[in-house]
């Protein structure tokens, strides 16, 4: 992801990026992801580090 996050999906996973906005402004950055089926791992990037509510 452009904020430096990494997402690794298992085989046959259904995963949706519902909303994603990164402009280096913690007040407006947002990341909303949905795991529908399967499994994934993530290492959060700047969005998660700067604003956990985002």
Protein backbone atom coordinates (compact mmCIF):
# COMPACT_ATOMS: atom_id res chain seq x y z
CA UNK A 1 0.00 0.00 0.00
CA UNK A 2 1.20 3.57 -0.53
CA UNK A 3 1.41 4.18 3.25
CA UNK A 4 3.89 1.31 3.61
CA UNK A 5 1.39 -1.31 4.83
CA UNK A 6 1.83 -4.90 3.67
CA UNK A 7 -1.07 -7.32 3.18
CA UNK A 8 -0.54 -11.02 2.53
CA UNK A 9 -3.57 -13.09 1.45
CA UNK A 10 -3.95 -16.85 1.76
CA UNK A 11 -5.10 -18.85 -1.26
CA UNK A 12 -8.80 -18.58 -2.14
CA UNK A 13 -9.30 -15.50 0.05
CA UNK A 14 -11.99 -12.94 -0.69
CA UNK A 15 -10.83 -9.54 0.55
CA UNK A 16 -12.25 -6.07 -0.07
CA UNK A 17 -10.66 -2.65 0.29
CA UNK A 18 -13.75 -0.63 1.17
CA UNK A 19 -12.06 2.76 1.65
CA UNK A 20 -8.45 3.87 1.38
CA UNK A 21 -7.09 7.42 1.45
CA UNK A 22 -3.54 8.38 2.38
CA UNK A 23 -2.25 11.93 2.05
CA UNK A 24 0.05 12.08 5.13
CA UNK A 25 -2.64 13.92 7.14
CA UNK A 26 -3.68 11.79 10.13
CA UNK A 27 -6.95 13.74 10.43
CA UNK A 28 -8.20 12.66 6.98
CA UNK A 29 -6.38 9.37 6.26
CA UNK A 30 -8.59 6.29 6.25
CA UNK A 31 -8.17 2.56 5.69
CA UNK A 32 -11.20 0.25 5.81
CA UNK A 33 -10.64 -3.40 4.86
CA UNK A 34 -13.05 -6.33 4.92
CA UNK A 35 -12.16 -10.01 5.08
CA UNK A 36 -15.08 -11.88 3.51
CA UNK A 37 -13.57 -15.35 3.41
CA UNK A 38 -10.15 -16.89 3.97
CA UNK A 39 -7.19 -15.46 5.81
CA UNK A 40 -4.68 -12.66 5.70
CA UNK A 41 -1.83 -11.03 7.59
CA UNK A 42 -1.03 -7.36 7.63
CA UNK A 43 1.72 -5.09 8.84
CA UNK A 44 0.18 -1.66 9.25
CA UNK A 45 1.73 1.35 7.61
CA UNK A 46 1.59 5.05 8.37
CA UNK A 47 -2.21 5.19 8.62
CA UNK A 48 -2.27 2.68 11.47
CA UNK A 49 0.74 4.23 13.19
CA UNK A 50 -0.50 7.82 13.04
CA UNK A 51 -4.23 7.43 13.67
CA UNK A 52 -5.52 4.14 15.04
CA UNK A 53 -9.16 5.26 14.60
CA UNK A 54 -8.57 5.59 10.85
